[in-house]
Amino acid sequence: MLQAELSALKAAGKQVGLVPTMGALHAGHVSLVERSVAENDVTVVSIFVNPTQFNDKNDLIKYPRTLEADCSLLEKAGATIAFAPSVEEIYPEPDTRTFSYAPLDTVMEGAFRPGHFNGVCQIVSKLFDMVKPHRAYFGEKDFQQLAVIREMVHQMEFPLEVVGCPIVREADGLAMSSRNTRLSSEERTTALNISRTLFESLEYAKKHTLGETKSYVEQGIAAVDGLRLEYYEVVDARTMQPVNAWDEAEGIVGCITVFCGDVRLIDNIRYK
């Protein structure tokens, strides 16, 4: 039904944008939807908590699900179609495909969440096949994911444009995330130290080496009760590989993952 409707729209010359999400939508998602609405005639937003990208079953169970509120938000943002399939619809049988884009997907999230990017590529490739969009929109908060998806699109020769959109932050600097809803009010205040430390490191980096800046961030997070650093890597923005000096790459990004209580939060900052 979805594909038939989209085929008719495309036959009429309509441009289609896709915003893949796992629901629990917030202003960051809305910014992706609004970008798609501005650049396409039709915007499809998928809402699907994808089981194959969770390597922690408890994380999958706890992931917030707010479909009714999500659809209301999408209507206000101008989305054309909300696509909220069941697991059975997406995976009528187990998806045994494997995706490997080393070294992009073997570091950071790939190292700490085995199988995560394989699951991401499974669902995103399925959505691309189902919707066949002209453009697909992803947030830069998941910086490594965006790089992996770009590589998948390149290698699988999907005829679409991947559009990366800037991180959207709360007024106090915290990167917007569906997982933020799981934070207690005290944890929410504690979590602010993540973005605060990253922004402070931008100034620090102007007069210090890359190694010193990395230590500054790691020590800053370690000093905060209630935060536990999983990793902080300063990487080449193109290859996701660690760099050791500011002149080693044209684009350099600091990628961080921190546990605040039992909630896993990610963020990043661009140094150049």
C-alpha atoms as a PDB file:
ATOM      1  CA  MET A   1       0.000   0.000   0.000  1.00  0.00           C
ATOM      2  CA  LEU A   2       2.781   2.431   0.949  1.00  0.00           C
ATOM      3  CA  GLN A   3       4.815   1.528  -2.121  1.00  0.00           C
ATOM      4  CA  ALA A   4       1.785   1.832  -4.434  1.00  0.00           C
ATOM      5  CA  GLU A   5       0.967   5.281  -3.079  1.00  0.00           C
ATOM      6  CA  LEU A   6       4.575   6.444  -3.382  1.00  0.00           C
ATOM      7  CA  SER A   7       4.886   5.021  -6.907  1.00  0.00           C
ATOM      8  CA  ALA A   8       1.885   7.086  -7.990  1.00  0.00           C
ATOM      9  CA  LEU A   9       3.330  10.223  -6.413  1.00  0.00           C
ATOM     10  CA  LYS A  10       6.720   9.670  -8.079  1.00  0.00           C
ATOM     11  CA  ALA A  11       5.016   9.001 -11.415  1.00  0.00           C
ATOM     12  CA  ALA A  12       3.457  12.445 -11.030  1.00  0.00           C
ATOM     13  CA  GLY A  13       6.950  13.910 -10.688  1.00  0.00           C
ATOM     14  CA  LYS A  14       6.937  14.300  -6.907  1.00  0.00           C
ATOM     15  CA  GLN A  15      10.237  14.290  -4.982  1.00  0.00           C
ATOM     16  CA  VAL A  16      10.209  12.071  -1.887  1.00  0.00           C
ATOM     17  CA  GLY A  17      12.174  12.608   1.320  1.00  0.00           C
ATOM     18  CA  LEU A  18      12.585   9.965   4.038  1.00  0.00           C
ATOM     19  CA  VAL A  19      13.285  10.574   7.728  1.00  0.00           C
ATOM     20  CA  PRO A  20      13.987   7.236   9.466  1.00  0.00           C
ATOM     21  CA  THR A  21      13.313   7.369  13.229  1.00  0.00           C
ATOM     22  CA  MET A  22      12.729   5.080  16.190  1.00  0.00           C
ATOM     23  CA  GLY A  23       9.985   7.353  17.498  1.00  0.00           C
ATOM     24  CA  ALA A  24       9.857   9.175  20.854  1.00  0.00           C
ATOM     25  CA  LEU A  25      10.220  12.235  18.660  1.00  0.00           C
ATOM     26  CA  HIS A  26      11.636  15.547  19.832  1.00  0.00           C
ATOM     27  CA  ALA A  27      12.678  18.876  18.303  1.00  0.00           C
ATOM     28  CA  GLY A  28      15.779  17.271  16.792  1.00  0.00           C
ATOM     29  CA  HIS A  29      13.617  14.924  14.756  1.00  0.00           C
ATOM     30  CA  VAL A  30      11.282  17.791  13.876  1.00  0.00           C
ATOM     31  CA  SER A  31      14.251  19.703  12.417  1.00  0.00           C
ATOM     32  CA  LEU A  32      14.925  16.743  10.077  1.00  0.00           C
ATOM     33  CA  VAL A  33      11.268  16.576   9.068  1.00  0.00           C
ATOM     34  CA  GLU A  34      11.097  20.318   8.401  1.00  0.00           C
ATOM     35  CA  ARG A  35      14.258  20.126   6.292  1.00  0.00           C
ATOM     36  CA  SER A  36      12.715  17.316   4.248  1.00  0.00           C
ATOM     37  CA  VAL A  37       9.415  19.178   3.884  1.00  0.00           C
ATOM     38  CA  ALA A  38      11.326  22.224   2.598  1.00  0.00           C
ATOM     39  CA  GLU A  39      13.302  20.192   0.051  1.00  0.00           C
ATOM     40  CA  ASN A  40      10.745  17.625  -1.165  1.00  0.00           C
ATOM     41  CA  ASP A  41       7.112  17.377  -2.257  1.00  0.00           C
ATOM     42  CA  VAL A  42       6.447  14.350  -0.059  1.00  0.00           C
ATOM     43  CA  THR A  43       7.996  13.512   3.324  1.00  0.00           C
ATOM     44  CA  VAL A  44       7.791   9.987   4.741  1.00  0.00           C
ATOM     45  CA  VAL A  45       8.737   9.528   8.390  1.00  0.00           C
ATOM     46  CA  SER A  46       9.267   5.964   9.563  1.00  0.00           C
ATOM     47  CA  ILE A  47       8.715   5.104  13.226  1.00  0.00           C
ATOM     48  CA  PHE A  48      10.211   1.739  14.052  1.00  0.00           C
ATOM     49  CA  VAL A  49      12.159   0.598  17.111  1.00  0.00           C
ATOM     50  CA  ASN A  50      14.511  -1.723  15.273  1.00  0.00           C
ATOM     51  CA  PRO A  51      15.348  -4.808  17.359  1.00  0.00           C
ATOM     52  CA  THR A  52      18.362  -5.859  15.292  1.00  0.00           C
ATOM     53  CA  GLN A  53      20.441  -2.813  16.259  1.00  0.00           C
ATOM     54  CA  PHE A  54      20.146  -3.333  20.030  1.00  0.00           C
ATOM     55  CA  ASN A  55      22.862  -5.492  21.547  1.00  0.00           C
ATOM     56  CA  ASP A  56      21.301  -4.967  25.008  1.00  0.00           C
ATOM     57  CA  LYS A  57      17.800  -6.455  25.297  1.00  0.00           C
ATOM     58  CA  ASN A  58      17.020  -4.296  28.349  1.00  0.00           C
ATOM     59  CA  ASP A  59      17.839  -1.191  26.318  1.00  0.00           C
ATOM     60  CA  LEU A  60      15.364  -2.343  23.657  1.00  0.00           C
ATOM     61  CA  ILE A  61      12.664  -2.962  26.273  1.00  0.00           C
ATOM     62  CA  LYS A  62      13.219   0.425  27.937  1.00  0.00           C
ATOM     63  CA  TYR A  63      13.350   2.425  24.714  1.00  0.00           C
ATOM     64  CA  PRO A  64      10.479   4.979  24.891  1.00  0.00           C
ATOM     65  CA  ARG A  65       7.485   4.436  22.613  1.00  0.00           C
ATOM     66  CA  THR A  66       5.083   7.361  22.108  1.00  0.00           C
ATOM     67  CA  LEU A  67       3.361   6.718  18.769  1.00  0.00           C
ATOM     68  CA  GLU A  68       0.273   8.872  19.325  1.00  0.00           C
ATOM     69  CA  ALA A  69       2.292  11.913  20.394  1.00  0.00           C
ATOM     70  CA  ASP A  70       4.754  11.268  17.559  1.00  0.00           C
ATOM     71  CA  CYS A  71       2.012  11.341  14.909  1.00  0.00           C
ATOM     72  CA  SER A  72       0.619  14.583  16.321  1.00  0.00           C
ATOM     73  CA  LEU A  73       4.092  16.139  16.168  1.00  0.00           C
ATOM     74  CA  LEU A  74       4.606  14.950  12.588  1.00  0.00           C
ATOM     75  CA  GLU A  75       1.285  16.400  11.459  1.00  0.00           C
ATOM     76  CA  LYS A  76       2.275  19.817  12.832  1.00  0.00           C
ATOM     77  CA  ALA A  77       5.692  19.570  11.168  1.00  0.00           C
ATOM     78  CA  GLY A  78       4.121  18.971   7.757  1.00  0.00           C
ATOM     79  CA  ALA A  79       5.035  15.320   7.208  1.00  0.00           C
ATOM     80  CA  THR A  80       2.996  13.609   4.478  1.00  0.00           C
ATOM     81  CA  ILE A  81       3.135   9.994   5.628  1.00  0.00           C
ATOM     82  CA  ALA A  82       3.904   8.422   9.012  1.00  0.00           C
ATOM     83  CA  PHE A  83       4.998   4.825   8.435  1.00  0.00           C
ATOM     84  CA  ALA A  84       4.887   2.780  11.660  1.00  0.00           C
ATOM     85  CA  PRO A  85       5.248  -0.873  10.646  1.00  0.00           C
ATOM     86  CA  SER A  86       5.255  -3.902  12.939  1.00  0.00           C
ATOM     87  CA  VAL A  87       8.351  -6.029  13.494  1.00  0.00           C
ATOM     88  CA  GLU A  88       6.625  -8.801  11.484  1.00  0.00           C
ATOM     89  CA  GLU A  89       6.129  -6.438   8.555  1.00  0.00           C
ATOM     90  CA  ILE A  90       9.788  -5.424   8.456  1.00  0.00           C
ATOM     91  CA  TYR A  91      11.201  -8.847   9.309  1.00  0.00           C
ATOM     92  CA  PRO A  92       8.753 -11.508   8.038  1.00  0.00           C
ATOM     93  CA  GLU A  93      11.757 -13.785   8.364  1.00  0.00           C
ATOM     94  CA  PRO A  94      15.127 -13.215  10.088  1.00  0.00           C
ATOM     95  CA  ASP A  95      17.437 -10.826   8.252  1.00  0.00           C
ATOM     96  CA  THR A  96      20.693 -12.736   7.887  1.00  0.00           C
ATOM     97  CA  ARG A  97      22.445 -10.117   5.755  1.00  0.00           C
ATOM     98  CA  THR A  98      25.795  -8.890   7.031  1.00  0.00           C
ATOM     99  CA  PHE A  99      27.249  -5.467   6.344  1.00  0.00           C
ATOM    100  CA  SER A 100      30.896  -4.616   6.851  1.00  0.00           C
ATOM    101  CA  TYR A 101      32.383  -1.183   6.229  1.00  0.00           C
ATOM    102  CA  ALA A 102      35.647  -1.461   8.117  1.00  0.00           C
ATOM    103  CA  PRO A 103      37.296   0.548   9.460  1.00  0.00           C
ATOM    104  CA  LEU A 104      34.344   3.002   9.659  1.00  0.00           C
ATOM    105  CA  ASP A 105      32.151   0.637  11.654  1.00  0.00           C
ATOM    106  CA  THR A 106      34.719  -1.175  13.811  1.00  0.00           C
ATOM    107  CA  VAL A 107      35.687   1.673  16.158  1.00  0.00           C
ATOM    108  CA  MET A 108      33.745   3.559  18.868  1.00  0.00           C
ATOM    109  CA  GLU A 109      30.088   2.451  18.641  1.00  0.00           C
ATOM    110  CA  GLY A 110      31.135  -0.518  16.523  1.00  0.00           C
ATOM    111  CA  ALA A 111      33.595  -1.672  19.182  1.00  0.00           C
ATOM    112  CA  PHE A 112      31.329  -1.108  22.187  1.00  0.00           C
ATOM    113  CA  ARG A 113      28.063  -2.285  20.616  1.00  0.00           C
ATOM    114  CA  PRO A 114      28.828  -5.420  18.565  1.00  0.00           C
ATOM    115  CA  GLY A 115      26.311  -5.894  15.779  1.00  0.00           C
ATOM    116  CA  HIS A 116      24.808  -2.426  16.197  1.00  0.00           C
ATOM    117  CA  PHE A 117      25.776  -1.050  12.796  1.00  0.00           C
ATOM    118  CA  ASN A 118      24.839  -4.294  11.082  1.00  0.00           C
ATOM    119  CA  GLY A 119      21.331  -3.833  12.486  1.00  0.00           C
ATOM    120  CA  VAL A 120      21.291  -0.173  11.449  1.00  0.00           C
ATOM    121  CA  CYS A 121      22.250  -1.098   7.892  1.00  0.00           C
ATOM    122  CA  GLN A 122      19.649  -3.863   7.802  1.00  0.00           C
ATOM    123  CA  ILE A 123      16.773  -1.549   8.683  1.00  0.00           C
ATOM    124  CA  VAL A 124      17.943   1.507   6.747  1.00  0.00           C
ATOM    125  CA  SER A 125      18.547  -0.526   3.572  1.00  0.00           C
ATOM    126  CA  LYS A 126      15.072  -2.075   3.949  1.00  0.00           C
ATOM    127  CA  LEU A 127      13.507   1.372   4.341  1.00  0.00           C
ATOM    128  CA  PHE A 128      15.404   2.631   1.300  1.00  0.00           C
ATOM    129  CA  ASP A 129      14.097  -0.326  -0.716  1.00  0.00           C
ATOM    130  CA  MET A 130      10.525   0.182   0.511  1.00  0.00           C
ATOM    131  CA  VAL A 131      10.321   3.970   0.134  1.00  0.00           C
ATOM    132  CA  LYS A 132      12.893   4.565  -2.635  1.00  0.00           C
ATOM    133  CA  PRO A 133      13.356   8.193  -1.554  1.00  0.00           C
ATOM    134  CA  HIS A 134      15.200  10.859  -3.481  1.00  0.00           C
ATOM    135  CA  ARG A 135      16.730  12.105  -0.218  1.00  0.00           C
ATOM    136  CA  ALA A 136      17.128  10.659   3.283  1.00  0.00           C
ATOM    137  CA  TYR A 137      17.750  12.754   6.397  1.00  0.00           C
ATOM    138  CA  PHE A 138      19.876  11.832   9.409  1.00  0.00           C
ATOM    139  CA  GLY A 139      21.086  13.813  12.416  1.00  0.00           C
ATOM    140  CA  GLU A 140      24.775  14.507  13.001  1.00  0.00           C
ATOM    141  CA  LYS A 141      24.417  13.576  16.687  1.00  0.00           C
ATOM    142  CA  ASP A 142      24.876   9.999  15.465  1.00  0.00           C
ATOM    143  CA  PHE A 143      28.004  11.092  13.643  1.00  0.00           C
ATOM    144  CA  GLN A 144      29.522   7.661  13.094  1.00  0.00           C
ATOM    145  CA  GLN A 145      26.170   6.211  12.019  1.00  0.00           C
ATOM    146  CA  LEU A 146      25.885   8.918   9.367  1.00  0.00           C
ATOM    147  CA  ALA A 147      29.325   8.000   7.997  1.00  0.00           C
ATOM    148  CA  VAL A 148      28.413   4.300   7.889  1.00  0.00           C
ATOM    149  CA  ILE A 149      25.121   4.992   6.106  1.00  0.00           C
ATOM    150  CA  ARG A 150      26.871   7.188   3.529  1.00  0.00           C
ATOM    151  CA  GLU A 151      29.306   4.343   2.836  1.00  0.00           C
ATOM    152  CA  MET A 152      26.468   1.810   2.571  1.00  0.00           C
ATOM    153  CA  VAL A 153      24.663   4.055   0.074  1.00  0.00           C
ATOM    154  CA  HIS A 154      27.877   4.396  -1.934  1.00  0.00           C
ATOM    155  CA  GLN A 155      28.701   0.676  -1.980  1.00  0.00           C
ATOM    156  CA  MET A 156      25.134  -0.524  -2.589  1.00  0.00           C
ATOM    157  CA  GLU A 157      24.588   2.214  -5.181  1.00  0.00           C
ATOM    158  CA  PHE A 158      21.304   3.474  -3.774  1.00  0.00           C
ATOM    159  CA  PRO A 159      20.118   6.298  -6.067  1.00  0.00           C
ATOM    160  CA  LEU A 160      19.533   8.832  -3.308  1.00  0.00           C
ATOM    161  CA  GLU A 161      21.158  11.721  -1.478  1.00  0.00           C
ATOM    162  CA  VAL A 162      22.031  11.331   2.219  1.00  0.00           C
ATOM    163  CA  VAL A 163      21.497  14.651   3.998  1.00  0.00           C
ATOM    164  CA  GLY A 164      23.235  15.187   7.343  1.00  0.00           C
ATOM    165  CA  CYS A 165      21.570  17.735   9.649  1.00  0.00           C
ATOM    166  CA  PRO A 166      23.153  19.588  12.600  1.00  0.00           C
ATOM    167  CA  ILE A 167      22.745  18.492  16.220  1.00  0.00           C
ATOM    168  CA  VAL A 168      19.777  20.151  17.912  1.00  0.00           C
ATOM    169  CA  ARG A 169      20.348  21.019  21.565  1.00  0.00           C
ATOM    170  CA  GLU A 170      18.203  21.995  24.495  1.00  0.00           C
ATOM    171  CA  ALA A 171      18.509  25.650  25.539  1.00  0.00           C
ATOM    172  CA  ASP A 172      21.056  24.589  28.186  1.00  0.00           C
ATOM    173  CA  GLY A 173      23.212  22.706  25.666  1.00  0.00           C
ATOM    174  CA  LEU A 174      22.211  19.075  26.217  1.00  0.00           C
ATOM    175  CA  ALA A 175      22.011  17.219  22.906  1.00  0.00           C
ATOM    176  CA  MET A 176      18.408  16.222  22.248  1.00  0.00           C
ATOM    177  CA  SER A 177      17.832  12.489  22.486  1.00  0.00           C
ATOM    178  CA  SER A 178      14.856  10.203  22.979  1.00  0.00           C
ATOM    179  CA  ARG A 179      16.838   8.663  25.832  1.00  0.00           C
ATOM    180  CA  ASN A 180      16.777  11.982  27.736  1.00  0.00           C
ATOM    181  CA  THR A 181      13.224  11.133  28.817  1.00  0.00           C
ATOM    182  CA  ARG A 182      14.666   8.305  30.920  1.00  0.00           C
ATOM    183  CA  LEU A 183      16.791  10.700  33.000  1.00  0.00           C
ATOM    184  CA  SER A 184      15.608  11.729  36.465  1.00  0.00           C
ATOM    185  CA  SER A 185      15.621  15.478  37.134  1.00  0.00           C
ATOM    186  CA  GLU A 186      18.889  15.069  39.064  1.00  0.00           C
ATOM    187  CA  GLU A 187      20.451  13.007  36.268  1.00  0.00           C
ATOM    188  CA  ARG A 188      19.263  15.557  33.714  1.00  0.00           C
ATOM    189  CA  THR A 189      21.261  18.245  35.559  1.00  0.00           C
ATOM    190  CA  THR A 190      24.280  15.948  35.830  1.00  0.00           C
ATOM    191  CA  ALA A 191      24.123  15.151  32.100  1.00  0.00           C
ATOM    192  CA  LEU A 192      24.678  18.814  31.259  1.00  0.00           C
ATOM    193  CA  ASN A 193      28.323  18.312  32.134  1.00  0.00           C
ATOM    194  CA  ILE A 194      28.777  16.315  28.924  1.00  0.00           C
ATOM    195  CA  SER A 195      28.031  19.126  26.474  1.00  0.00           C
ATOM    196  CA  ARG A 196      29.542  21.719  28.823  1.00  0.00           C
ATOM    197  CA  THR A 197      32.852  19.856  28.882  1.00  0.00           C
ATOM    198  CA  LEU A 198      32.843  19.456  25.092  1.00  0.00           C
ATOM    199  CA  PHE A 199      32.208  23.165  24.514  1.00  0.00           C
ATOM    200  CA  GLU A 200      34.890  24.114  27.033  1.00  0.00           C
ATOM    201  CA  SER A 201      37.319  21.848  25.179  1.00  0.00           C
ATOM    202  CA  LEU A 202      36.844  23.913  22.010  1.00  0.00           C
ATOM    203  CA  GLU A 203      38.490  26.873  23.734  1.00  0.00           C
ATOM    204  CA  TYR A 204      41.044  24.664  25.457  1.00  0.00           C
ATOM    205  CA  ALA A 205      42.035  23.118  22.125  1.00  0.00           C
ATOM    206  CA  LYS A 206      43.071  26.490  20.708  1.00  0.00           C
ATOM    207  CA  LYS A 207      46.162  26.546  22.947  1.00  0.00           C
ATOM    208  CA  HIS A 208      46.777  22.857  23.632  1.00  0.00           C
ATOM    209  CA  THR A 209      47.731  19.708  21.782  1.00  0.00           C
ATOM    210  CA  LEU A 210      45.177  17.153  20.706  1.00  0.00           C
ATOM    211  CA  GLY A 211      46.382  14.730  23.373  1.00  0.00           C
ATOM    212  CA  GLU A 212      46.077  17.368  26.087  1.00  0.00           C
ATOM    213  CA  THR A 213      42.579  18.239  24.893  1.00  0.00           C
ATOM    214  CA  LYS A 214      41.531  14.593  24.951  1.00  0.00           C
ATOM    215  CA  SER A 215      42.796  14.285  28.529  1.00  0.00           C
ATOM    216  CA  TYR A 216      40.975  17.488  29.461  1.00  0.00           C
ATOM    217  CA  VAL A 217      37.653  16.022  28.360  1.00  0.00           C
ATOM    218  CA  GLU A 218      38.253  12.600  29.905  1.00  0.00           C
ATOM    219  CA  GLN A 219      39.279  14.103  33.251  1.00  0.00           C
ATOM    220  CA  GLY A 220      36.393  16.573  33.151  1.00  0.00           C
ATOM    221  CA  ILE A 221      33.845  13.785  32.810  1.00  0.00           C
ATOM    222  CA  ALA A 222      35.600  11.585  35.385  1.00  0.00           C
ATOM    223  CA  ALA A 223      35.364  14.396  37.935  1.00  0.00           C
ATOM    224  CA  VAL A 224      31.547  14.419  37.828  1.00  0.00           C
ATOM    225  CA  ASP A 225      29.718  12.112  40.219  1.00  0.00           C
ATOM    226  CA  GLY A 226      27.022  10.188  38.350  1.00  0.00           C
ATOM    227  CA  LEU A 227      28.801  10.131  34.973  1.00  0.00           C
ATOM    228  CA  ARG A 228      30.802   7.210  33.625  1.00  0.00           C
ATOM    229  CA  LEU A 229      32.796   7.679  30.429  1.00  0.00           C
ATOM    230  CA  GLU A 230      32.593   4.788  27.986  1.00  0.00           C
ATOM    231  CA  TYR A 231      34.825   6.412  25.386  1.00  0.00           C
ATOM    232  CA  TYR A 232      35.992   9.743  24.067  1.00  0.00           C
ATOM    233  CA  GLU A 233      37.749   9.616  20.709  1.00  0.00           C
ATOM    234  CA  VAL A 234      39.044  12.455  18.584  1.00  0.00           C
ATOM    235  CA  VAL A 235      38.749  11.244  15.005  1.00  0.00           C
ATOM    236  CA  ASP A 236      39.117  12.073  11.354  1.00  0.00           C
ATOM    237  CA  ALA A 237      35.615  13.225  10.350  1.00  0.00           C
ATOM    238  CA  ARG A 238      35.834  11.220   7.124  1.00  0.00           C
ATOM    239  CA  THR A 239      37.355   7.897   8.242  1.00  0.00           C
ATOM    240  CA  MET A 240      36.317   7.785  11.948  1.00  0.00           C
ATOM    241  CA  GLN A 241      39.895   6.777  12.789  1.00  0.00           C
ATOM    242  CA  PRO A 242      41.664   8.354  15.803  1.00  0.00           C
ATOM    243  CA  VAL A 243      44.034  11.225  15.095  1.00  0.00           C
ATOM    244  CA  ASN A 244      46.946  12.320  17.276  1.00  0.00           C
ATOM    245  CA  ALA A 245      47.543  15.891  16.107  1.00  0.00           C
ATOM    246  CA  TRP A 246      45.377  18.762  14.915  1.00  0.00           C
ATOM    247  CA  ASP A 247      47.066  18.843  11.489  1.00  0.00           C
ATOM    248  CA  GLU A 248      46.469  15.150  10.736  1.00  0.00           C
ATOM    249  CA  ALA A 249      43.076  15.619   9.061  1.00  0.00           C
ATOM    250  CA  GLU A 250      41.018  18.306   7.345  1.00  0.00           C
ATOM    251  CA  GLY A 251      38.005  17.601   9.570  1.00  0.00           C
ATOM    252  CA  ILE A 252      38.324  16.541  13.211  1.00  0.00           C
ATOM    253  CA  VAL A 253      35.454  15.562  15.513  1.00  0.00           C
ATOM    254  CA  GLY A 254      35.393  14.539  19.161  1.00  0.00           C
ATOM    255  CA  CYS A 255      32.888  11.698  19.740  1.00  0.00           C
ATOM    256  CA  ILE A 256      31.797  10.814  23.253  1.00  0.00           C
ATOM    257  CA  THR A 257      29.599   8.255  24.969  1.00  0.00           C
ATOM    258  CA  VAL A 258      28.779   8.614  28.654  1.00  0.00           C
ATOM    259  CA  PHE A 259      26.535   6.705  31.031  1.00  0.00           C
ATOM    260  CA  CYS A 260      24.432   8.966  33.238  1.00  0.00           C
ATOM    261  CA  GLY A 261      23.015   6.499  35.725  1.00  0.00           C
ATOM    262  CA  ASP A 262      22.021   3.613  33.445  1.00  0.00           C
ATOM    263  CA  VAL A 263      21.178   5.859  30.478  1.00  0.00           C
ATOM    264  CA  ARG A 264      23.704   5.827  27.653  1.00  0.00           C
ATOM    265  CA  LEU A 265      24.136   9.254  26.043  1.00  0.00           C
ATOM    266  CA  ILE A 266      26.162  10.207  22.979  1.00  0.00           C
ATOM    267  CA  ASP A 267      27.358  13.578  21.723  1.00  0.00           C
ATOM    268  CA  ASN A 268      30.076  15.063  19.546  1.00  0.00           C
ATOM    269  CA  ILE A 269      31.833  18.316  18.826  1.00  0.00           C
ATOM    270  CA  ARG A 270      33.632  19.484  15.684  1.00  0.00           C
ATOM    271  CA  TYR A 271      37.102  20.939  16.275  1.00  0.00           C
ATOM    272  CA  LYS A 272      37.831  21.730  12.626  1.00  0.00           C
END
